[in-house]
Amino acid sequence: MLAIFLKTLPFFALIGLGYWAGRARFFSQEATAYLTKFVFYFALSAMLFRFSANLGLAEVWNGRLVAAYLWGTLFVYGIATIVGYLRHQSTEVTAIEAQCAVIGNTGFLGVPMLTLLLGEAAIGPVVLALAVDLIVFSSLIVVLITAAREGEIRIGIFKAVAIGLLKNPMIVAITLGFVWSALHIPIPAPMNEFLSILGGAATPCALFAIGASLASKSAERLSVAGWLSFCKLVLHPAFVAFGAIFLFSVDTFSATVIISAAALPVAGNIFMLAQHYGVAPQRVSAAILVSTAVSIVTVSLIIGWLTAA
């Protein structure tokens, strides 16, 4: 586990460097926003397209893995939802809290870190977990918040959700990559080199951007942030592990990858959602900050335990 901790340390050190740059105002919030856009629209998309185009959907698809990840995620989502209602929170706030409890930083942190730690074979399971997060849960929160505010579920909500998914560069990159692979079109050497160079920028830039964005986060409502961090860092990987190992018999390597993905800290894009809808942004901010800090230890412990088992 010490060896795994030392391997994960450089990733969190890059986050720490970004955090320092943000706190020292060497990197402004505007600069962080533009760096995040670069990663989101260009570097990470290039990485995902290249991986998908070289793998193909048939090689990646694993129904048992999807079922295990979805089962574990829905279970923890349900726990966070019940606790939210028991605390007399509104539907909007409860939905945001449940999102924090199960959606990790798979795109910016999971894809680069787990691919380097566990090998390129990890990209398939990571992409499937990312797809479940984006398609199922990013859609679910929009439906819940919009329906709660309008008092009903309209067809227009699903149209807005569909348009949002089609505009997500990660989904577009993965889909185009699988289509390219299905058509058996070889990637020309210059194009492959271009994608490799651009995709290579995803890891350091994404980690630096995570840290710089954390510099603007506050640590208010620590009791709630602690509960949501516990859900994300402990309950989520635990229930995904139960589903993968005992319910759906996922192969050992794929189970290791999705459990590790489930152990990642709260995703930064939830804060953008909370700000957009005006629903508990400070609460989400604190959950991201606390879970990221604690995950320096917990992610290493979980990956170390899984790879040693």
C-alpha atoms as a PDB file:
ATOM      1  CA  MET A   1       0.000   0.000   0.000  1.00  0.00           C
ATOM      2  CA  LEU A   2       2.953   2.309   0.616  1.00  0.00           C
ATOM      3  CA  ALA A   3       4.071   1.643  -2.972  1.00  0.00           C
ATOM      4  CA  ILE A   4       0.616   2.589  -4.286  1.00  0.00           C
ATOM      5  CA  PHE A   5       0.568   5.701  -2.096  1.00  0.00           C
ATOM      6  CA  LEU A   6       3.910   6.763  -3.550  1.00  0.00           C
ATOM      7  CA  LYS A   7       2.539   6.182  -7.066  1.00  0.00           C
ATOM      8  CA  THR A   8      -0.603   8.222  -6.419  1.00  0.00           C
ATOM      9  CA  LEU A   9       1.318  10.963  -4.587  1.00  0.00           C
ATOM     10  CA  PRO A  10       2.528  12.729  -7.783  1.00  0.00           C
ATOM     11  CA  PHE A  11      -1.085  13.029  -8.974  1.00  0.00           C
ATOM     12  CA  PHE A  12      -2.184  14.670  -5.737  1.00  0.00           C
ATOM     13  CA  ALA A  13       1.026  16.738  -5.710  1.00  0.00           C
ATOM     14  CA  LEU A  14      -0.070  18.225  -9.049  1.00  0.00           C
ATOM     15  CA  ILE A  15      -3.460  18.999  -7.502  1.00  0.00           C
ATOM     16  CA  GLY A  16      -1.631  20.579  -4.566  1.00  0.00           C
ATOM     17  CA  LEU A  17       0.495  22.679  -6.932  1.00  0.00           C
ATOM     18  CA  GLY A  18      -2.648  23.919  -8.655  1.00  0.00           C
ATOM     19  CA  TYR A  19      -4.199  24.692  -5.271  1.00  0.00           C
ATOM     20  CA  TRP A  20      -1.150  26.726  -4.263  1.00  0.00           C
ATOM     21  CA  ALA A  21      -1.201  28.614  -7.565  1.00  0.00           C
ATOM     22  CA  GLY A  22      -4.856  29.451  -7.036  1.00  0.00           C
ATOM     23  CA  ARG A  23      -4.460  30.485  -3.407  1.00  0.00           C
ATOM     24  CA  ALA A  24      -1.409  32.624  -4.228  1.00  0.00           C
ATOM     25  CA  ARG A  25      -3.439  34.225  -7.036  1.00  0.00           C
ATOM     26  CA  PHE A  26      -0.665  33.257  -9.433  1.00  0.00           C
ATOM     27  CA  PHE A  27      -3.467  31.517 -11.278  1.00  0.00           C
ATOM     28  CA  SER A  28      -6.710  33.500 -11.332  1.00  0.00           C
ATOM     29  CA  GLN A  29     -10.212  32.017 -11.397  1.00  0.00           C
ATOM     30  CA  GLU A  30     -10.522  33.156 -15.015  1.00  0.00           C
ATOM     31  CA  ALA A  31      -7.279  31.371 -15.927  1.00  0.00           C
ATOM     32  CA  THR A  32      -8.540  28.225 -14.150  1.00  0.00           C
ATOM     33  CA  ALA A  33     -11.801  28.389 -16.096  1.00  0.00           C
ATOM     34  CA  TYR A  34      -9.939  28.569 -19.417  1.00  0.00           C
ATOM     35  CA  LEU A  35      -7.553  25.764 -18.465  1.00  0.00           C
ATOM     36  CA  THR A  36     -10.556  23.630 -17.499  1.00  0.00           C
ATOM     37  CA  LYS A  37     -12.152  24.360 -20.885  1.00  0.00           C
ATOM     38  CA  PHE A  38      -8.933  23.339 -22.654  1.00  0.00           C
ATOM     39  CA  VAL A  39      -8.890  20.017 -20.815  1.00  0.00           C
ATOM     40  CA  PHE A  40     -12.633  19.396 -21.176  1.00  0.00           C
ATOM     41  CA  TYR A  41     -12.995  20.273 -24.865  1.00  0.00           C
ATOM     42  CA  PHE A  42      -9.573  19.370 -26.263  1.00  0.00           C
ATOM     43  CA  ALA A  43      -7.034  17.377 -24.221  1.00  0.00           C
ATOM     44  CA  LEU A  44      -9.345  14.924 -22.437  1.00  0.00           C
ATOM     45  CA  SER A  45     -11.519  14.547 -25.538  1.00  0.00           C
ATOM     46  CA  ALA A  46      -8.443  13.679 -27.608  1.00  0.00           C
ATOM     47  CA  MET A  47      -7.385  11.106 -25.032  1.00  0.00           C
ATOM     48  CA  LEU A  48     -10.844   9.499 -24.893  1.00  0.00           C
ATOM     49  CA  PHE A  49     -11.238   9.469 -28.683  1.00  0.00           C
ATOM     50  CA  ARG A  50      -7.838   7.849 -29.169  1.00  0.00           C
ATOM     51  CA  PHE A  51      -8.523   5.168 -26.576  1.00  0.00           C
ATOM     52  CA  SER A  52     -12.023   4.445 -27.945  1.00  0.00           C
ATOM     53  CA  ALA A  53     -10.906   4.384 -31.587  1.00  0.00           C
ATOM     54  CA  ASN A  54      -8.140   1.906 -30.774  1.00  0.00           C
ATOM     55  CA  LEU A  55     -10.351  -0.348 -28.625  1.00  0.00           C
ATOM     56  CA  GLY A  56     -13.855  -0.567 -30.047  1.00  0.00           C
ATOM     57  CA  LEU A  57     -17.139  -1.027 -28.211  1.00  0.00           C
ATOM     58  CA  ALA A  58     -17.099  -4.823 -28.505  1.00  0.00           C
ATOM     59  CA  GLU A  59     -13.828  -4.960 -26.564  1.00  0.00           C
ATOM     60  CA  VAL A  60     -14.999  -2.501 -23.920  1.00  0.00           C
ATOM     61  CA  TRP A  61     -18.619  -3.468 -23.281  1.00  0.00           C
ATOM     62  CA  ASN A  62     -19.156  -5.503 -20.098  1.00  0.00           C
ATOM     63  CA  GLY A  63     -22.787  -5.845 -19.050  1.00  0.00           C
ATOM     64  CA  ARG A  64     -21.916  -7.311 -15.640  1.00  0.00           C
ATOM     65  CA  LEU A  65     -19.597  -4.402 -14.913  1.00  0.00           C
ATOM     66  CA  VAL A  66     -22.235  -1.827 -15.871  1.00  0.00           C
ATOM     67  CA  ALA A  67     -24.851  -3.621 -13.735  1.00  0.00           C
ATOM     68  CA  ALA A  68     -22.513  -3.793 -10.723  1.00  0.00           C
ATOM     69  CA  TYR A  69     -21.484  -0.146 -10.963  1.00  0.00           C
ATOM     70  CA  LEU A  70     -25.050   1.019 -11.536  1.00  0.00           C
ATOM     71  CA  TRP A  71     -26.385  -1.110  -8.667  1.00  0.00           C
ATOM     72  CA  GLY A  72     -23.794   0.144  -6.162  1.00  0.00           C
ATOM     73  CA  THR A  73     -24.209   3.747  -7.273  1.00  0.00           C
ATOM     74  CA  LEU A  74     -28.019   3.648  -7.107  1.00  0.00           C
ATOM     75  CA  PHE A  75     -27.886   2.072  -3.635  1.00  0.00           C
ATOM     76  CA  VAL A  76     -25.708   4.861  -2.209  1.00  0.00           C
ATOM     77  CA  TYR A  77     -27.760   7.451  -4.117  1.00  0.00           C
ATOM     78  CA  GLY A  78     -30.817   6.055  -2.338  1.00  0.00           C
ATOM     79  CA  ILE A  79     -29.127   6.222   1.076  1.00  0.00           C
ATOM     80  CA  ALA A  80     -28.105   9.862   0.555  1.00  0.00           C
ATOM     81  CA  THR A  81     -31.614  10.698  -0.672  1.00  0.00           C
ATOM     82  CA  ILE A  82     -33.299   9.114   2.362  1.00  0.00           C
ATOM     83  CA  VAL A  83     -30.910  10.893   4.752  1.00  0.00           C
ATOM     84  CA  GLY A  84     -31.568  14.188   2.953  1.00  0.00           C
ATOM     85  CA  TYR A  85     -35.326  13.856   3.359  1.00  0.00           C
ATOM     86  CA  LEU A  86     -34.949  12.771   7.009  1.00  0.00           C
ATOM     87  CA  ARG A  87     -33.074  16.052   7.542  1.00  0.00           C
ATOM     88  CA  HIS A  88     -36.051  17.858   5.983  1.00  0.00           C
ATOM     89  CA  GLN A  89     -34.111  19.051   2.944  1.00  0.00           C
ATOM     90  CA  SER A  90     -35.938  20.139  -0.213  1.00  0.00           C
ATOM     91  CA  THR A  91     -35.981  17.879  -3.279  1.00  0.00           C
ATOM     92  CA  GLU A  92     -33.470  20.129  -5.062  1.00  0.00           C
ATOM     93  CA  VAL A  93     -30.972  20.103  -2.177  1.00  0.00           C
ATOM     94  CA  THR A  94     -31.463  16.370  -1.626  1.00  0.00           C
ATOM     95  CA  ALA A  95     -30.775  15.719  -5.316  1.00  0.00           C
ATOM     96  CA  ILE A  96     -27.567  17.766  -5.190  1.00  0.00           C
ATOM     97  CA  GLU A  97     -26.408  15.955  -2.044  1.00  0.00           C
ATOM     98  CA  ALA A  98     -27.160  12.547  -3.581  1.00  0.00           C
ATOM     99  CA  GLN A  99     -25.151  13.570  -6.643  1.00  0.00           C
ATOM    100  CA  CYS A 100     -22.182  14.464  -4.414  1.00  0.00           C
ATOM    101  CA  ALA A 101     -22.485  11.067  -2.709  1.00  0.00           C
ATOM    102  CA  VAL A 102     -21.948   9.064  -5.896  1.00  0.00           C
ATOM    103  CA  ILE A 103     -20.389  11.110  -8.729  1.00  0.00           C
ATOM    104  CA  GLY A 104     -16.606  11.167  -8.587  1.00  0.00           C
ATOM    105  CA  ASN A 105     -13.969  13.020 -10.576  1.00  0.00           C
ATOM    106  CA  THR A 106     -13.748  10.178 -13.099  1.00  0.00           C
ATOM    107  CA  GLY A 107     -13.077  12.331 -16.152  1.00  0.00           C
ATOM    108  CA  PHE A 108     -10.380  14.676 -14.871  1.00  0.00           C
ATOM    109  CA  LEU A 109      -8.759  12.429 -12.239  1.00  0.00           C
ATOM    110  CA  GLY A 110      -9.905   8.846 -12.824  1.00  0.00           C
ATOM    111  CA  VAL A 111      -9.145   8.473 -16.539  1.00  0.00           C
ATOM    112  CA  PRO A 112      -5.525   9.691 -16.375  1.00  0.00           C
ATOM    113  CA  MET A 113      -4.643   8.302 -12.937  1.00  0.00           C
ATOM    114  CA  LEU A 114      -6.189   4.830 -13.188  1.00  0.00           C
ATOM    115  CA  THR A 115      -4.892   4.363 -16.734  1.00  0.00           C
ATOM    116  CA  LEU A 116      -1.346   5.096 -15.596  1.00  0.00           C
ATOM    117  CA  LEU A 117      -1.622   3.141 -12.326  1.00  0.00           C
ATOM    118  CA  LEU A 118      -3.437   0.049 -13.635  1.00  0.00           C
ATOM    119  CA  GLY A 119      -2.409   0.083 -17.293  1.00  0.00           C
ATOM    120  CA  GLU A 120      -4.180   0.983 -20.545  1.00  0.00           C
ATOM    121  CA  ALA A 121      -6.479  -2.018 -20.096  1.00  0.00           C
ATOM    122  CA  ALA A 122      -8.197   0.044 -17.380  1.00  0.00           C
ATOM    123  CA  ILE A 123      -9.550   2.549 -19.903  1.00  0.00           C
ATOM    124  CA  GLY A 124     -12.444   0.279 -20.922  1.00  0.00           C
ATOM    125  CA  PRO A 125     -13.951  -0.114 -17.430  1.00  0.00           C
ATOM    126  CA  VAL A 126     -13.248   3.559 -16.626  1.00  0.00           C
ATOM    127  CA  VAL A 127     -15.046   4.692 -19.787  1.00  0.00           C
ATOM    128  CA  LEU A 128     -18.062   2.529 -18.905  1.00  0.00           C
ATOM    129  CA  ALA A 129     -18.210   3.973 -15.378  1.00  0.00           C
ATOM    130  CA  LEU A 130     -17.863   7.496 -16.823  1.00  0.00           C
ATOM    131  CA  ALA A 131     -20.660   6.789 -19.315  1.00  0.00           C
ATOM    132  CA  VAL A 132     -22.998   5.653 -16.511  1.00  0.00           C
ATOM    133  CA  ASP A 133     -22.222   8.829 -14.539  1.00  0.00           C
ATOM    134  CA  LEU A 134     -22.794  11.109 -17.529  1.00  0.00           C
ATOM    135  CA  ILE A 135     -25.798   9.434 -19.133  1.00  0.00           C
ATOM    136  CA  VAL A 136     -27.741   8.200 -16.093  1.00  0.00           C
ATOM    137  CA  PHE A 137     -26.950  10.479 -13.163  1.00  0.00           C
ATOM    138  CA  SER A 138     -26.187  13.757 -14.941  1.00  0.00           C
ATOM    139  CA  SER A 139     -29.574  13.334 -16.623  1.00  0.00           C
ATOM    140  CA  LEU A 140     -31.321  12.313 -13.402  1.00  0.00           C
ATOM    141  CA  ILE A 141     -30.345  15.428 -11.457  1.00  0.00           C
ATOM    142  CA  VAL A 142     -31.583  17.735 -14.225  1.00  0.00           C
ATOM    143  CA  VAL A 143     -34.921  15.891 -14.315  1.00  0.00           C
ATOM    144  CA  LEU A 144     -35.323  15.952 -10.511  1.00  0.00           C
ATOM    145  CA  ILE A 145     -34.492  19.632 -10.027  1.00  0.00           C
ATOM    146  CA  THR A 146     -36.543  20.808 -13.019  1.00  0.00           C
ATOM    147  CA  ALA A 147     -39.526  18.633 -12.066  1.00  0.00           C
ATOM    148  CA  ALA A 148     -39.385  19.829  -8.439  1.00  0.00           C
ATOM    149  CA  ARG A 149     -39.456  23.466  -9.537  1.00  0.00           C
ATOM    150  CA  GLU A 150     -42.155  23.067 -12.168  1.00  0.00           C
ATOM    151  CA  GLY A 151     -44.263  20.606 -10.180  1.00  0.00           C
ATOM    152  CA  GLU A 152     -44.391  18.112 -13.038  1.00  0.00           C
ATOM    153  CA  ILE A 153     -42.264  16.110 -15.441  1.00  0.00           C
ATOM    154  CA  ARG A 154     -42.657  17.453 -18.973  1.00  0.00           C
ATOM    155  CA  ILE A 155     -41.418  15.954 -22.245  1.00  0.00           C
ATOM    156  CA  GLY A 156     -39.390  19.124 -22.746  1.00  0.00           C
ATOM    157  CA  ILE A 157     -37.179  18.148 -19.814  1.00  0.00           C
ATOM    158  CA  PHE A 158     -35.994  15.016 -21.612  1.00  0.00           C
ATOM    159  CA  LYS A 159     -35.346  17.014 -24.785  1.00  0.00           C
ATOM    160  CA  ALA A 160     -33.123  19.389 -22.806  1.00  0.00           C
ATOM    161  CA  VAL A 161     -31.331  16.420 -21.226  1.00  0.00           C
ATOM    162  CA  ALA A 162     -30.721  14.829 -24.644  1.00  0.00           C
ATOM    163  CA  ILE A 163     -29.328  18.075 -26.061  1.00  0.00           C
ATOM    164  CA  GLY A 164     -27.068  18.428 -23.018  1.00  0.00           C
ATOM    165  CA  LEU A 165     -25.671  14.919 -23.549  1.00  0.00           C
ATOM    166  CA  LEU A 166     -25.059  15.565 -27.242  1.00  0.00           C
ATOM    167  CA  LYS A 167     -23.116  18.720 -26.345  1.00  0.00           C
ATOM    168  CA  ASN A 168     -20.896  16.948 -23.806  1.00  0.00           C
ATOM    169  CA  PRO A 169     -17.455  16.629 -25.447  1.00  0.00           C
ATOM    170  CA  MET A 170     -16.545  13.516 -23.450  1.00  0.00           C
ATOM    171  CA  ILE A 171     -19.613  11.644 -24.692  1.00  0.00           C
ATOM    172  CA  VAL A 172     -19.040  12.920 -28.240  1.00  0.00           C
ATOM    173  CA  ALA A 173     -15.361  11.858 -28.156  1.00  0.00           C
ATOM    174  CA  ILE A 174     -16.136   8.374 -26.830  1.00  0.00           C
ATOM    175  CA  THR A 175     -18.980   7.852 -29.333  1.00  0.00           C
ATOM    176  CA  LEU A 176     -16.957   9.065 -32.330  1.00  0.00           C
ATOM    177  CA  GLY A 177     -14.069   6.843 -31.247  1.00  0.00           C
ATOM    178  CA  PHE A 178     -16.264   3.749 -31.126  1.00  0.00           C
ATOM    179  CA  VAL A 179     -17.822   4.619 -34.507  1.00  0.00           C
ATOM    180  CA  TRP A 180     -14.342   5.080 -36.001  1.00  0.00           C
ATOM    181  CA  SER A 181     -13.300   1.699 -34.617  1.00  0.00           C
ATOM    182  CA  ALA A 182     -16.497  -0.007 -35.825  1.00  0.00           C
ATOM    183  CA  LEU A 183     -15.851   1.244 -39.367  1.00  0.00           C
ATOM    184  CA  HIS A 184     -12.351  -0.316 -39.176  1.00  0.00           C
ATOM    185  CA  ILE A 185     -10.715   2.908 -40.312  1.00  0.00           C
ATOM    186  CA  PRO A 186      -7.025   2.973 -39.399  1.00  0.00           C
ATOM    187  CA  ILE A 187      -5.854   6.128 -37.643  1.00  0.00           C
ATOM    188  CA  PRO A 188      -3.162   7.757 -39.836  1.00  0.00           C
ATOM    189  CA  ALA A 189       0.195   8.045 -38.092  1.00  0.00           C
ATOM    190  CA  PRO A 190       0.251  11.894 -38.043  1.00  0.00           C
ATOM    191  CA  MET A 191      -3.308  11.976 -36.624  1.00  0.00           C
ATOM    192  CA  ASN A 192      -2.444   9.371 -33.994  1.00  0.00           C
ATOM    193  CA  GLU A 193       0.654  11.348 -33.006  1.00  0.00           C
ATOM    194  CA  PHE A 194      -1.407  14.565 -32.830  1.00  0.00           C
ATOM    195  CA  LEU A 195      -3.999  12.889 -30.586  1.00  0.00           C
ATOM    196  CA  SER A 196      -1.237  11.382 -28.434  1.00  0.00           C
ATOM    197  CA  ILE A 197       0.449  14.757 -27.881  1.00  0.00           C
ATOM    198  CA  LEU A 198      -2.826  16.594 -27.213  1.00  0.00           C
ATOM    199  CA  GLY A 199      -4.182  13.786 -25.023  1.00  0.00           C
ATOM    200  CA  GLY A 200      -0.905  13.735 -23.102  1.00  0.00           C
ATOM    201  CA  ALA A 201      -1.671  17.245 -21.877  1.00  0.00           C
ATOM    202  CA  ALA A 202      -4.873  15.978 -20.225  1.00  0.00           C
ATOM    203  CA  THR A 203      -3.240  14.482 -17.136  1.00  0.00           C
ATOM    204  CA  PRO A 204      -1.079  17.385 -15.839  1.00  0.00           C
ATOM    205  CA  CYS A 205      -3.514  20.090 -16.964  1.00  0.00           C
ATOM    206  CA  ALA A 206      -6.572  18.340 -15.507  1.00  0.00           C
ATOM    207  CA  LEU A 207      -4.898  17.756 -12.138  1.00  0.00           C
ATOM    208  CA  PHE A 208      -3.569  21.319 -11.993  1.00  0.00           C
ATOM    209  CA  ALA A 209      -7.038  22.641 -12.900  1.00  0.00           C
ATOM    210  CA  ILE A 210      -8.638  20.557 -10.122  1.00  0.00           C
ATOM    211  CA  GLY A 211      -6.256  22.071  -7.574  1.00  0.00           C
ATOM    212  CA  ALA A 212      -6.640  25.623  -8.854  1.00  0.00           C
ATOM    213  CA  SER A 213     -10.437  25.312  -8.742  1.00  0.00           C
ATOM    214  CA  LEU A 214     -10.270  24.014  -5.150  1.00  0.00           C
ATOM    215  CA  ALA A 215      -8.530  27.239  -4.136  1.00  0.00           C
ATOM    216  CA  SER A 216     -11.809  29.092  -4.565  1.00  0.00           C
ATOM    217  CA  LYS A 217     -13.818  26.524  -2.605  1.00  0.00           C
ATOM    218  CA  SER A 218     -14.888  27.098   1.019  1.00  0.00           C
ATOM    219  CA  ALA A 219     -15.192  24.572   3.841  1.00  0.00           C
ATOM    220  CA  GLU A 220     -18.546  25.624   5.289  1.00  0.00           C
ATOM    221  CA  ARG A 221     -21.128  23.108   6.565  1.00  0.00           C
ATOM    222  CA  LEU A 222     -18.361  20.649   7.490  1.00  0.00           C
ATOM    223  CA  SER A 223     -20.762  18.162   9.104  1.00  0.00           C
ATOM    224  CA  VAL A 224     -22.679  17.774   5.834  1.00  0.00           C
ATOM    225  CA  ALA A 225     -19.453  17.775   3.812  1.00  0.00           C
ATOM    226  CA  GLY A 226     -18.086  15.045   6.081  1.00  0.00           C
ATOM    227  CA  TRP A 227     -21.201  12.909   5.575  1.00  0.00           C
ATOM    228  CA  LEU A 228     -21.143  13.329   1.792  1.00  0.00           C
ATOM    229  CA  SER A 229     -17.395  12.609   1.692  1.00  0.00           C
ATOM    230  CA  PHE A 230     -18.008   9.428   3.718  1.00  0.00           C
ATOM    231  CA  CYS A 231     -20.670   8.383   1.209  1.00  0.00           C
ATOM    232  CA  LYS A 232     -18.382   9.045  -1.748  1.00  0.00           C
ATOM    233  CA  LEU A 233     -15.084   7.716  -0.416  1.00  0.00           C
ATOM    234  CA  VAL A 234     -16.318   4.781   1.682  1.00  0.00           C
ATOM    235  CA  LEU A 235     -19.908   3.759   0.967  1.00  0.00           C
ATOM    236  CA  HIS A 236     -19.753   4.136  -2.812  1.00  0.00           C
ATOM    237  CA  PRO A 237     -16.706   1.895  -3.382  1.00  0.00           C
ATOM    238  CA  ALA A 238     -18.007  -0.543  -0.734  1.00  0.00           C
ATOM    239  CA  PHE A 239     -21.380  -1.056  -2.429  1.00  0.00           C
ATOM    240  CA  VAL A 240     -19.852  -1.142  -5.918  1.00  0.00           C
ATOM    241  CA  ALA A 241     -17.430  -3.779  -4.595  1.00  0.00           C
ATOM    242  CA  PHE A 242     -20.325  -5.810  -3.162  1.00  0.00           C
ATOM    243  CA  GLY A 243     -22.140  -5.646  -6.492  1.00  0.00           C
ATOM    244  CA  ALA A 244     -19.053  -6.489  -8.548  1.00  0.00           C
ATOM    245  CA  ILE A 245     -17.770  -9.347  -6.364  1.00  0.00           C
ATOM    246  CA  PHE A 246     -20.890 -10.973  -4.918  1.00  0.00           C
ATOM    247  CA  LEU A 247     -23.870 -10.057  -7.103  1.00  0.00           C
ATOM    248  CA  PHE A 248     -22.598  -9.877 -10.676  1.00  0.00           C
ATOM    249  CA  SER A 249     -19.275 -11.802 -10.575  1.00  0.00           C
ATOM    250  CA  VAL A 250     -17.257  -9.209 -12.481  1.00  0.00           C
ATOM    251  CA  ASP A 251     -13.754 -10.349 -13.447  1.00  0.00           C
ATOM    252  CA  THR A 252     -11.063  -9.372 -10.953  1.00  0.00           C
ATOM    253  CA  PHE A 253      -9.309  -6.710 -13.043  1.00  0.00           C
ATOM    254  CA  SER A 254     -12.496  -4.934 -14.147  1.00  0.00           C
ATOM    255  CA  ALA A 255     -13.824  -5.054 -10.577  1.00  0.00           C
ATOM    256  CA  THR A 256     -10.585  -3.464  -9.350  1.00  0.00           C
ATOM    257  CA  VAL A 257     -10.948  -0.625 -11.853  1.00  0.00           C
ATOM    258  CA  ILE A 258     -14.601   0.248 -11.153  1.00  0.00           C
ATOM    259  CA  ILE A 259     -14.160  -0.001  -7.374  1.00  0.00           C
ATOM    260  CA  SER A 260     -11.161   2.341  -7.680  1.00  0.00           C
ATOM    261  CA  ALA A 261     -13.249   4.681  -9.845  1.00  0.00           C
ATOM    262  CA  ALA A 262     -15.999   4.643  -7.215  1.00  0.00           C
ATOM    263  CA  ALA A 263     -13.423   5.653  -4.583  1.00  0.00           C
ATOM    264  CA  LEU A 264     -12.601   8.949  -6.323  1.00  0.00           C
ATOM    265  CA  PRO A 265     -13.531  12.270  -4.630  1.00  0.00           C
ATOM    266  CA  VAL A 266     -16.607  14.359  -5.454  1.00  0.00           C
ATOM    267  CA  ALA A 267     -16.625  15.692  -9.020  1.00  0.00           C
ATOM    268  CA  GLY A 268     -16.035  19.385  -9.617  1.00  0.00           C
ATOM    269  CA  ASN A 269     -18.790  19.659 -12.237  1.00  0.00           C
ATOM    270  CA  ILE A 270     -21.414  19.215  -9.487  1.00  0.00           C
ATOM    271  CA  PHE A 271     -20.399  22.650  -8.187  1.00  0.00           C
ATOM    272  CA  MET A 272     -21.125  24.102 -11.631  1.00  0.00           C
ATOM    273  CA  LEU A 273     -24.550  22.451 -11.574  1.00  0.00           C
ATOM    274  CA  ALA A 274     -25.221  23.753  -8.065  1.00  0.00           C
ATOM    275  CA  GLN A 275     -24.247  27.270  -9.133  1.00  0.00           C
ATOM    276  CA  HIS A 276     -26.318  27.050 -12.315  1.00  0.00           C
ATOM    277  CA  TYR A 277     -29.473  26.042 -10.428  1.00  0.00           C
ATOM    278  CA  GLY A 278     -28.691  28.091  -7.310  1.00  0.00           C
ATOM    279  CA  VAL A 279     -28.896  25.016  -5.061  1.00  0.00           C
ATOM    280  CA  ALA A 280     -26.477  24.743  -2.089  1.00  0.00           C
ATOM    281  CA  PRO A 281     -23.245  25.670  -3.940  1.00  0.00           C
ATOM    282  CA  GLN A 282     -21.331  26.211  -0.668  1.00  0.00           C
ATOM    283  CA  ARG A 283     -22.335  22.769   0.551  1.00  0.00           C
ATOM    284  CA  VAL A 284     -21.080  21.193  -2.675  1.00  0.00           C
ATOM    285  CA  SER A 285     -17.915  23.307  -2.508  1.00  0.00           C
ATOM    286  CA  ALA A 286     -17.119  21.986   0.965  1.00  0.00           C
ATOM    287  CA  ALA A 287     -17.823  18.373  -0.072  1.00  0.00           C
ATOM    288  CA  ILE A 288     -15.419  18.667  -3.020  1.00  0.00           C
ATOM    289  CA  LEU A 289     -12.707  20.226  -0.855  1.00  0.00           C
ATOM    290  CA  VAL A 290     -13.014  17.739   2.033  1.00  0.00           C
ATOM    291  CA  SER A 291     -13.360  14.626  -0.138  1.00  0.00           C
ATOM    292  CA  THR A 292     -10.377  15.582  -2.311  1.00  0.00           C
ATOM    293  CA  ALA A 293      -8.159  16.176   0.731  1.00  0.00           C
ATOM    294  CA  VAL A 294      -9.165  12.910   2.426  1.00  0.00           C
ATOM    295  CA  SER A 295      -8.924  10.916  -0.819  1.00  0.00           C
ATOM    296  CA  ILE A 296      -5.138  11.369  -0.812  1.00  0.00           C
ATOM    297  CA  VAL A 297      -5.158   8.598   1.800  1.00  0.00           C
ATOM    298  CA  THR A 298      -8.347   6.651   1.032  1.00  0.00           C
ATOM    299  CA  VAL A 299      -7.768   6.220  -2.721  1.00  0.00           C
ATOM    300  CA  SER A 300      -4.269   4.860  -2.061  1.00  0.00           C
ATOM    301  CA  LEU A 301      -5.589   2.479   0.605  1.00  0.00           C
ATOM    302  CA  ILE A 302      -8.378   1.150  -1.611  1.00  0.00           C
ATOM    303  CA  ILE A 303      -6.226   0.699  -4.724  1.00  0.00           C
ATOM    304  CA  GLY A 304      -3.467  -0.835  -2.603  1.00  0.00           C
ATOM    305  CA  TRP A 305      -5.920  -3.287  -1.016  1.00  0.00           C
ATOM    306  CA  LEU A 306      -7.428  -4.222  -4.379  1.00  0.00           C
ATOM    307  CA  THR A 307      -4.125  -4.782  -6.160  1.00  0.00           C
ATOM    308  CA  ALA A 308      -2.705  -6.748  -3.231  1.00  0.00           C
ATOM    309  CA  ALA A 309      -5.780  -9.018  -2.926  1.00  0.00           C
END
